[in-house]
Every structure is written in C-alpha cells, then in structure tokens.
Amino acid sequence: MTKRIACIMAFLVLGLSVPVLAAEPENGAVEGRIINGTEGGSSVASLEVTLKTYLNDAEAGSATATTDAEGNFVFDGLATGPTYSYEVNLTYQEAEYIGKRVSFGAGETSKSTEMTVYDSTTDDAAIKVAQAHTVVYVEAGSLEIIEYYLIANESDRTYIGTGEITAVGRRKTMELPLPGGATELQYSGSLMECCVVNSDGGFADTMAIVPGMKELLYSYRVSYKSGTYSLSRSMSYPTLSYDVIVQGDATGVVSDQMTAAEPVNIEGTFFSRLSGKDLARGAAVNIRLSNLPDAPKEGAVLPWLVVALAVLGGGFAFVYRTKRRPQPARAVSRPGRARQELLVELAQLDDDFEGGKIQEDVYRRLRTEKKAQLVEQVRRSRKGRK
C-alpha cells in the first residue's frame, strides 16, 4: 500500500508540476525567388525548392515547393517563435545551393529571401587558385601541416567537375594532396564530410565551384625519423600565388621551383618563407626541410598565421559547414561551432560594408572585435589538443 501511495503521489506531483506551454504560432511565411546569374541562362521555372526547419539549431523537418514561371516560391504555415529558423535549399543542374538561414523577429510573420543559381559546366578553364599557402609547424619527430586554398571561378557558370560520378553522387572538382603516412586529417571551410572522397595522392572535394571565391582549409600531421623531410606538391589548377611558410629560424627550407622571400615574425615566432608565382596546372613543387629538431621546442606555438591568411587577408566569405572526417587519413573531429559562427559573422560584416549598409568606422571596430574573438577560439582549440 505504501508503495502504491508513493507512486500516486509521484504521479500527482510530477503531473501538477509540468507547465502548460503555449503553442508556437504557425502563421509565418517565407517567400522567395530563384534567379539565374548566367547570361542567357536556363529557365528557373518548375524547380523543386526545399525549406528546412531548424528548432534550437537542430534540423526538425522540411517541406518542398515548386517555383512559378518567374522563379518565385512561398512556404506558409510556419512557426514564428524565436527558437525556429529556416533555410532554403535546391539542386540546379547537379549543383547544390544553400540559402542564408532566416528567422522571424518579434511580431514578424513574413520573411523574404533570394537565391542566385547558375548554369552548370564541366569545363574548368575558368578555375584558378588565387592564393595557396602551406604552413608547417615543426615538432619533435613530426610536422603539423596546414593547407589553405583560395579558389576563383572567373566565369558565370558553376563548375560541377569532370569524369565519373563518385560514390557520393558527384564528380571530383578539386584534388587535394596528402603526403604518404599523413594522419589526424581535419578540414573546414567549404570541405564537408558528405562530399569528400578518396583520390590518388590525397583526397578530393566534389562540391560544385560557383562563380566567385571559395576557401578550403585542412590540416594533417606527418612523422619524420631523420633531420630532413621532403614535401611534394602538384598544382591541381593554375596557381597565381603559392607560399610555403615554415616555423623556426634553425629549420632549413629550399625548393628549386620557388624563391626565398622575406621571413615573417608571428607573435615572436620566426617563420621562413618560400614564394612562387604563376604556377601552371600540374606543376610539381618539391620542398626540402632540413635541420629538423630531435627534441621538442619550448612552448606551444599558436597558428596565428593561418588565422591571418584566412580572415585578415581577403575579406572573402567562407562557405562554412561542419568540420568532418574524410577517409584518406585518420581524421579527428573537434568542436568548431563557435569558430564557424564567428567566421560567418565576419563574412556577413564584410558583405554589409561592401553593400554600404554600415559606416566604415563601425565596420572596422566590429571586425577588430570579432577577429580578436576568433583568435582566442583558435588558441583555445589548439591548447586543448596538446
């Protein structure tokens, strides 16, 4: 009997203590338009558009609509509460396009969005690497290597790759090199787990390259046993500028295809630098490191240079998704949401300034603040990996 009473009392207490939640209003609407940015491009009528619903930043459902003759679409009956947000997606001529996430403000019931698509092509003549950087951090018995690419599509068509369709349902668009024995592969920028495949000499991205700029960033570790190490590179596309930056004033770095450039000093740490210009597609670059240390150097070095290259240098918007695990090397997934959000905010800030939406003094102040936050996030991340 006592057990029964205890059960009934627990039921009553728990039942009475549950608050009655007000239902989220479902009178919101997201309306938008698809525009073809290719001169004389194909029709955007009768396209299937998907609207993904996010609740507290977790995907909670989706709906589809079809564009009219002018590329217009509408989704209605949407929850307008502050915990909900929405994202428009569609696939056009084999290329996936993802719109900006939108949410309803207080009292708002309607949001508008616009997305530009382009006719697709398998011709990569307009694809170039505007900037590439290989940053080498020297540790006892191993090197941490960070690769950065700024890819430019100078046409008004989206490049969807060539060759056979891969296991992920897309063609390869960008070959990314890895030396033999590479481990601890991580990547970010436009690289996503869904779209990375194995490739000879490394791995490959299969995401379409839309007109404009696209940034790729990945890192890995290699081991060495002697005091020397050779790193070989083959340019996937014509490369306008390529720098190799190596930590340590005692470490030797030479290449027959590149020239010595002015060294850099980042937060009191010396980096040697090699520079190459106008490298042709397929050009081979061999970098030889010597006098590598046998014992650890004192103190951990923060990769300030990568932050500088990726954020301070271009003002180009990162296309951020999650930092995931590819197959060619043993990958390690680490938290990156805060950094991704900051990078997206920086990209949006650049867009707002270029569009004349904010004054220059405000732009400079906000960008300085966000860069400082980003540097701190990177510092914490690297410290946590030691």
Protein backbone atom coordinates (compact mmCIF):
# COMPACT_ATOMS: atom_id res chain seq x y z
CA MET A 1 0.00 0.00 0.00
CA THR A 2 2.77 2.41 0.91
CA LYS A 3 4.38 1.75 -2.48
CA ARG A 4 1.10 2.48 -4.25
CA ILE A 5 0.60 5.73 -2.37
CA ALA A 6 4.16 6.76 -3.20
CA CYS A 7 3.53 6.06 -6.90
CA ILE A 8 0.27 8.03 -6.91
CA MET A 9 1.86 10.96 -5.08
CA ALA A 10 4.78 10.98 -7.51
CA PHE A 11 2.36 10.96 -10.44
CA LEU A 12 0.33 13.80 -8.99
CA VAL A 13 3.38 15.91 -8.11
CA LEU A 14 5.01 15.40 -11.47
CA GLY A 15 1.76 15.94 -13.30
CA LEU A 16 0.91 19.13 -11.48
CA SER A 17 4.43 20.49 -11.85
CA VAL A 18 4.50 20.29 -15.65
CA PRO A 19 3.81 23.77 -17.02
CA VAL A 20 1.32 24.31 -19.78
CA LEU A 21 3.29 25.58 -22.76
CA ALA A 22 1.69 27.95 -25.19
CA ALA A 23 1.71 26.61 -28.75
CA GLU A 24 4.02 28.39 -31.14
CA PRO A 25 2.03 30.48 -33.63
CA GLU A 26 2.11 28.96 -37.12
CA ASN A 27 1.17 31.99 -39.20
CA GLY A 28 4.59 32.69 -40.67
CA ALA A 29 5.53 32.64 -44.35
CA VAL A 30 8.86 32.51 -46.20
CA GLU A 31 8.62 33.70 -49.76
CA GLY A 32 11.47 33.94 -52.19
CA ARG A 33 12.77 33.94 -55.72
CA ILE A 34 15.34 31.95 -57.66
CA ILE A 35 17.46 33.97 -60.11
CA ASN A 36 19.76 32.58 -62.81
CA GLY A 37 23.02 34.54 -62.76
CA THR A 38 24.31 33.12 -66.07
CA GLU A 39 23.93 35.43 -69.02
CA GLY A 40 21.22 33.94 -71.24
CA GLY A 41 20.83 31.14 -68.70
CA SER A 42 18.20 28.43 -68.49
CA SER A 43 14.73 28.78 -67.00
CA VAL A 44 14.18 28.73 -63.26
CA ALA A 45 10.53 27.69 -63.60
CA SER A 46 9.15 24.47 -62.08
CA LEU A 47 12.11 23.91 -59.78
CA GLU A 48 11.66 21.96 -56.57
CA VAL A 49 12.77 24.05 -53.60
CA THR A 50 13.22 22.59 -50.11
CA LEU A 51 12.73 24.56 -46.91
CA LYS A 52 14.49 23.04 -43.90
CA THR A 53 13.17 23.84 -40.44
CA TYR A 54 15.56 24.17 -37.50
CA LEU A 55 14.46 24.11 -33.87
CA ASN A 56 17.13 25.33 -31.45
CA ASP A 57 19.62 24.94 -34.32
CA ALA A 58 18.77 21.24 -34.86
CA GLU A 59 17.04 20.15 -38.06
CA ALA A 60 13.39 19.45 -37.26
CA GLY A 61 11.71 18.87 -40.62
CA SER A 62 11.41 20.02 -44.19
CA ALA A 63 8.86 20.94 -46.84
CA THR A 64 9.01 21.39 -50.61
CA ALA A 65 7.51 23.90 -53.04
CA THR A 66 7.71 24.45 -56.80
CA THR A 67 8.77 27.72 -58.43
CA ASP A 68 6.44 29.51 -60.80
CA ALA A 69 7.37 30.81 -64.26
CA GLU A 70 9.36 33.69 -62.70
CA GLY A 71 11.18 31.55 -60.16
CA ASN A 72 9.00 32.60 -57.21
CA PHE A 73 8.03 30.28 -54.36
CA VAL A 74 6.32 30.50 -50.97
CA PHE A 75 6.12 28.43 -47.79
CA ASP A 76 3.42 29.27 -45.25
CA GLY A 77 2.01 27.92 -42.00
CA LEU A 78 5.41 28.29 -40.34
CA ALA A 79 6.13 28.67 -36.64
CA THR A 80 7.42 32.16 -35.87
CA GLY A 81 8.84 31.58 -32.40
CA PRO A 82 12.40 32.71 -31.59
CA THR A 83 13.68 29.11 -31.44
CA TYR A 84 12.80 28.44 -35.09
CA SER A 85 14.85 29.23 -38.18
CA TYR A 86 14.56 28.27 -41.86
CA GLU A 87 16.91 27.55 -44.74
CA VAL A 88 16.15 27.25 -48.47
CA ASN A 89 17.96 24.56 -50.48
CA LEU A 90 17.75 23.33 -54.05
CA THR A 91 19.72 21.35 -56.60
CA TYR A 92 20.06 23.00 -60.00
CA GLN A 93 21.80 21.25 -62.87
CA GLU A 94 23.63 18.90 -60.47
CA ALA A 95 24.87 21.70 -58.20
CA GLU A 96 23.55 22.19 -54.67
CA TYR A 97 22.69 25.70 -53.50
CA ILE A 98 22.07 26.61 -49.86
CA GLY A 99 20.45 29.89 -48.87
CA LYS A 100 21.02 32.03 -45.81
CA ARG A 101 19.27 30.94 -42.62
CA VAL A 102 16.32 33.21 -41.75
CA SER A 103 14.21 33.56 -38.60
CA PHE A 104 11.24 35.68 -37.59
CA GLY A 105 11.69 38.67 -35.35
CA ALA A 106 9.22 39.75 -32.70
CA GLY A 107 5.88 40.48 -34.38
CA GLU A 108 7.12 39.36 -37.84
CA THR A 109 5.07 36.92 -39.90
CA SER A 110 6.77 37.24 -43.28
CA LYS A 111 10.36 36.83 -44.48
CA SER A 112 11.77 37.20 -47.99
CA THR A 113 14.81 35.51 -49.47
CA GLU A 114 16.50 35.41 -52.84
CA MET A 115 18.93 32.83 -54.22
CA THR A 116 21.12 33.01 -57.32
CA VAL A 117 21.89 29.86 -59.28
CA TYR A 118 24.00 29.42 -62.41
CA ASP A 119 24.03 27.14 -65.39
CA SER A 120 26.46 24.28 -64.78
CA THR A 121 29.52 23.32 -66.80
CA THR A 122 32.11 20.54 -66.88
CA ASP A 123 34.69 22.90 -68.40
CA ASP A 124 37.18 24.05 -65.74
CA ALA A 125 39.05 26.58 -67.90
CA ALA A 126 37.88 29.44 -65.65
CA ILE A 127 39.01 27.80 -62.40
CA LYS A 128 42.20 29.10 -60.78
CA VAL A 129 43.85 29.08 -57.38
CA ALA A 130 44.24 32.74 -56.49
CA GLN A 131 46.26 32.01 -53.35
CA ALA A 132 47.65 28.86 -51.76
CA HIS A 133 49.60 28.52 -48.53
CA THR A 134 51.34 25.58 -46.89
CA VAL A 135 52.13 26.35 -43.25
CA VAL A 136 54.49 23.95 -41.46
CA TYR A 137 54.80 23.75 -37.66
CA VAL A 138 57.88 21.85 -36.52
CA GLU A 139 57.71 19.48 -33.56
CA ALA A 140 59.98 16.71 -32.35
CA GLY A 141 59.60 13.83 -34.81
CA SER A 142 56.56 15.26 -36.58
CA LEU A 143 55.25 18.17 -38.60
CA GLU A 144 51.81 19.73 -38.38
CA ILE A 145 50.95 20.99 -41.85
CA ILE A 146 48.09 23.34 -42.65
CA GLU A 147 46.95 23.88 -46.24
CA TYR A 148 44.91 26.87 -47.40
CA TYR A 149 43.43 27.45 -50.87
CA LEU A 150 41.53 30.43 -52.22
CA ILE A 151 39.84 29.20 -55.40
CA ALA A 152 38.48 31.58 -58.01
CA ASN A 153 35.79 30.78 -60.57
CA GLU A 154 36.02 33.67 -63.02
CA SER A 155 33.08 32.63 -65.20
CA ASP A 156 29.31 32.96 -64.77
CA ARG A 157 28.80 29.19 -64.70
CA THR A 158 29.07 26.68 -61.86
CA TYR A 159 31.77 24.07 -62.34
CA ILE A 160 30.46 20.60 -61.38
CA GLY A 161 33.58 18.55 -62.15
CA THR A 162 34.59 16.07 -64.81
CA GLY A 163 35.00 12.32 -65.03
CA GLU A 164 32.88 9.62 -63.49
CA ILE A 165 30.27 10.12 -60.80
CA THR A 166 31.83 9.21 -57.44
CA ALA A 167 30.36 7.19 -54.59
CA VAL A 168 28.81 10.36 -53.13
CA GLY A 169 26.89 11.06 -56.34
CA ARG A 170 29.08 13.91 -57.62
CA ARG A 171 32.16 14.34 -59.77
CA LYS A 172 35.52 15.45 -58.39
CA THR A 173 36.06 19.20 -58.60
CA MET A 174 39.27 19.77 -56.60
CA GLU A 175 42.16 17.37 -55.94
CA LEU A 176 43.78 17.99 -52.56
CA PRO A 177 47.22 16.45 -51.90
CA LEU A 178 48.32 14.46 -48.87
CA PRO A 179 51.81 13.02 -48.36
CA GLY A 180 52.16 9.32 -47.63
CA GLY A 181 51.60 8.46 -43.98
CA ALA A 182 49.52 11.56 -43.21
CA THR A 183 47.38 11.26 -40.07
CA GLU A 184 45.00 13.41 -37.98
CA LEU A 185 43.33 14.92 -41.03
CA GLN A 186 40.96 17.77 -40.22
CA TYR A 187 39.25 20.16 -42.57
CA SER A 188 36.94 23.14 -42.68
CA GLY A 189 35.92 25.98 -44.95
CA SER A 190 33.86 24.57 -47.82
CA LEU A 191 35.00 20.98 -47.22
CA MET A 192 32.25 18.70 -45.89
CA GLU A 193 32.14 15.03 -44.92
CA CYS A 194 29.28 14.36 -47.33
CA CYS A 195 31.31 15.46 -50.31
CA VAL A 196 34.90 14.30 -49.76
CA VAL A 197 36.21 11.17 -51.50
CA ASN A 198 39.48 9.28 -51.75
CA SER A 199 41.78 10.25 -54.59
CA ASP A 200 45.23 9.31 -55.83
CA GLY A 201 47.79 11.15 -53.75
CA GLY A 202 45.27 12.52 -51.26
CA PHE A 203 41.56 13.25 -51.33
CA ALA A 204 39.16 15.25 -53.49
CA ASP A 205 36.28 17.65 -52.98
CA THR A 206 33.13 17.07 -55.01
CA MET A 207 31.26 20.25 -54.13
CA ALA A 208 30.44 22.45 -57.11
CA ILE A 209 32.53 25.61 -57.55
CA VAL A 210 30.15 28.52 -58.07
CA PRO A 211 31.25 31.83 -59.61
CA GLY A 212 33.32 33.92 -57.21
CA MET A 213 35.68 32.82 -54.45
CA LYS A 214 35.77 29.63 -52.41
CA GLU A 215 38.08 28.85 -49.49
CA LEU A 216 39.37 25.44 -48.43
CA LEU A 217 41.33 24.72 -45.26
CA TYR A 218 42.68 21.42 -43.98
CA SER A 219 45.47 20.13 -41.76
CA TYR A 220 47.28 16.88 -41.04
CA ARG A 221 50.38 15.50 -39.37
CA VAL A 222 53.38 13.63 -40.79
CA SER A 223 56.26 11.95 -38.97
CA TYR A 224 59.97 12.05 -39.76
CA LYS A 225 62.83 9.95 -38.41
CA SER A 226 65.89 11.81 -39.65
CA GLY A 227 66.62 15.53 -39.59
CA THR A 228 65.22 16.01 -43.12
CA TYR A 229 61.83 15.76 -44.81
CA SER A 230 60.68 16.24 -48.43
CA LEU A 231 57.20 17.50 -49.25
CA SER A 232 55.95 17.29 -52.83
CA ARG A 233 53.07 19.19 -54.39
CA SER A 234 51.30 19.11 -57.75
CA MET A 235 49.13 22.08 -58.69
CA SER A 236 45.55 20.98 -59.43
CA TYR A 237 44.80 24.27 -61.19
CA PRO A 238 46.82 27.25 -62.40
CA THR A 239 48.05 28.90 -59.20
CA LEU A 240 48.69 32.62 -59.15
CA SER A 241 50.45 32.74 -55.77
CA TYR A 242 51.85 29.97 -53.56
CA ASP A 243 53.71 30.44 -50.26
CA VAL A 244 55.37 27.84 -48.06
CA ILE A 245 55.88 29.10 -44.50
CA VAL A 246 57.97 27.06 -42.04
CA GLN A 247 58.29 27.63 -38.31
CA GLY A 248 61.77 28.08 -36.81
CA ASP A 249 64.86 30.05 -37.76
CA ALA A 250 67.02 26.91 -37.46
CA THR A 251 64.99 24.84 -39.91
CA GLY A 252 66.26 24.91 -43.49
CA VAL A 253 63.72 25.13 -46.33
CA VAL A 254 64.56 25.15 -50.05
CA SER A 255 62.80 24.43 -53.34
CA ASP A 256 64.01 24.50 -56.94
CA GLN A 257 60.62 25.79 -58.08
CA MET A 258 60.26 28.61 -55.54
CA THR A 259 62.35 31.51 -54.30
CA ALA A 260 63.23 32.66 -50.80
CA ALA A 261 61.01 35.50 -49.65
CA GLU A 262 61.03 37.86 -46.70
CA PRO A 263 60.58 35.83 -43.49
CA VAL A 264 57.73 36.64 -41.16
CA ASN A 265 57.57 37.02 -37.40
CA ILE A 266 54.27 36.00 -35.83
CA GLU A 267 53.81 36.65 -32.12
CA GLY A 268 57.57 36.39 -31.59
CA THR A 269 57.97 33.19 -33.61
CA PHE A 270 60.15 33.19 -36.72
CA PHE A 271 58.86 31.66 -39.98
CA SER A 272 60.96 31.08 -43.10
CA ARG A 273 59.08 31.66 -46.35
CA LEU A 274 59.30 30.48 -49.95
CA SER A 275 57.18 32.08 -52.65
CA GLY A 276 56.09 31.04 -56.13
CA LYS A 277 54.08 32.89 -58.76
CA ASP A 278 52.04 31.84 -61.78
CA LEU A 279 52.47 28.10 -61.42
CA ALA A 280 50.92 26.10 -64.27
CA ARG A 281 48.35 23.34 -63.83
CA GLY A 282 50.16 20.14 -62.98
CA ALA A 283 53.37 21.93 -62.00
CA ALA A 284 55.41 19.89 -59.50
CA VAL A 285 56.81 21.66 -56.45
CA ASN A 286 59.28 19.90 -54.16
CA ILE A 287 60.04 21.42 -50.75
CA ARG A 288 63.01 20.11 -48.76
CA LEU A 289 63.23 20.67 -45.00
CA SER A 290 66.48 20.15 -43.12
CA ASN A 291 67.96 20.51 -39.65
CA LEU A 292 64.71 19.34 -38.07
CA PRO A 293 64.90 19.09 -34.27
CA ASP A 294 65.42 15.90 -32.30
CA ALA A 295 63.79 17.30 -29.16
CA PRO A 296 60.62 19.36 -28.55
CA LYS A 297 60.92 23.10 -28.68
CA GLU A 298 59.87 25.03 -25.61
CA GLY A 299 56.33 26.35 -25.61
CA ALA A 300 53.37 25.75 -27.88
CA VAL A 301 53.05 27.91 -30.99
CA LEU A 302 49.63 29.24 -31.90
CA PRO A 303 48.80 29.13 -35.63
CA TRP A 304 48.27 32.89 -35.84
CA LEU A 305 49.41 32.87 -39.42
CA VAL A 306 46.53 30.68 -40.57
CA VAL A 307 44.05 32.99 -38.88
CA ALA A 308 45.73 35.90 -40.62
CA LEU A 309 45.63 34.20 -44.01
CA ALA A 310 42.06 33.04 -43.71
CA VAL A 311 40.48 36.08 -42.08
CA LEU A 312 42.67 39.15 -42.32
CA GLY A 313 43.83 38.73 -45.88
CA GLY A 314 40.86 38.64 -48.18
CA GLY A 315 37.54 39.63 -46.75
CA PHE A 316 36.18 36.75 -48.87
CA ALA A 317 33.19 34.95 -47.40
CA PHE A 318 33.79 31.46 -46.11
CA VAL A 319 31.15 28.93 -47.08
CA TYR A 320 31.01 27.17 -43.74
CA ARG A 321 29.57 23.85 -42.95
CA THR A 322 30.75 21.37 -40.33
CA LYS A 323 34.32 20.20 -39.85
CA ARG A 324 34.14 16.48 -40.51
CA ARG A 325 36.00 13.26 -41.07
CA PRO A 326 37.20 12.15 -44.54
CA GLN A 327 38.59 8.73 -45.44
CA PRO A 328 42.13 9.07 -46.86
CA ALA A 329 43.75 9.59 -43.45
CA ARG A 330 42.78 9.05 -39.86
CA ALA A 331 40.64 12.08 -39.16
CA VAL A 332 39.81 13.63 -35.82
CA SER A 333 36.58 15.57 -35.37
CA ARG A 334 36.74 18.51 -32.96
CA PRO A 335 34.19 21.12 -31.90
CA GLY A 336 34.12 24.13 -34.20
CA ARG A 337 30.67 25.70 -34.00
CA ALA A 338 31.78 28.88 -32.20
CA ARG A 339 34.56 29.50 -34.73
CA GLN A 340 32.25 28.77 -37.65
CA GLU A 341 29.69 31.23 -36.33
CA LEU A 342 32.35 33.92 -35.92
CA LEU A 343 33.61 33.36 -39.45
CA VAL A 344 30.09 33.58 -40.84
CA GLU A 345 29.58 36.79 -38.88
CA LEU A 346 32.83 38.20 -40.30
CA ALA A 347 31.75 37.30 -43.82
CA GLN A 348 28.35 38.93 -43.28
CA LEU A 349 30.06 42.01 -41.87
CA ASP A 350 32.22 42.27 -44.99
CA ASP A 351 29.14 41.91 -47.20
CA ASP A 352 27.29 44.61 -45.25
CA PHE A 353 30.21 47.02 -45.52
CA GLU A 354 30.69 46.39 -49.24
CA GLY A 355 26.97 46.88 -49.73
CA GLY A 356 27.05 50.25 -47.95
CA LYS A 357 24.87 49.08 -45.06
CA ILE A 358 27.26 50.18 -42.29
CA GLN A 359 29.75 53.01 -41.91
CA GLU A 360 33.48 52.32 -42.15
CA ASP A 361 34.34 53.23 -38.56
CA VAL A 362 31.66 50.87 -37.24
CA TYR A 363 32.79 48.16 -39.66
CA ARG A 364 36.45 48.46 -38.57
CA ARG A 365 35.57 48.36 -34.88
CA LEU A 366 33.25 45.34 -35.18
CA ARG A 367 35.69 43.44 -37.40
CA THR A 368 38.55 44.02 -34.94
CA GLU A 369 36.41 42.72 -32.08
CA LYS A 370 35.33 39.60 -33.95
CA LYS A 371 38.86 38.86 -35.16
CA ALA A 372 40.07 39.01 -31.56
CA GLN A 373 37.32 36.57 -30.55
CA LEU A 374 38.27 34.24 -33.41
CA VAL A 375 41.95 34.26 -32.48
CA GLU A 376 41.02 33.35 -28.91
CA GLN A 377 38.84 30.46 -30.14
CA VAL A 378 41.70 29.12 -32.24
CA ARG A 379 44.11 29.48 -29.32
CA ARG A 380 41.80 27.50 -27.02
CA SER A 381 41.25 24.82 -29.63
CA ARG A 382 44.96 24.29 -30.18
CA LYS A 383 45.70 24.35 -26.46
CA GLY A 384 43.08 21.65 -25.91
CA ARG A 385 44.80 19.39 -28.43
CA LYS A 386 48.17 19.43 -26.68
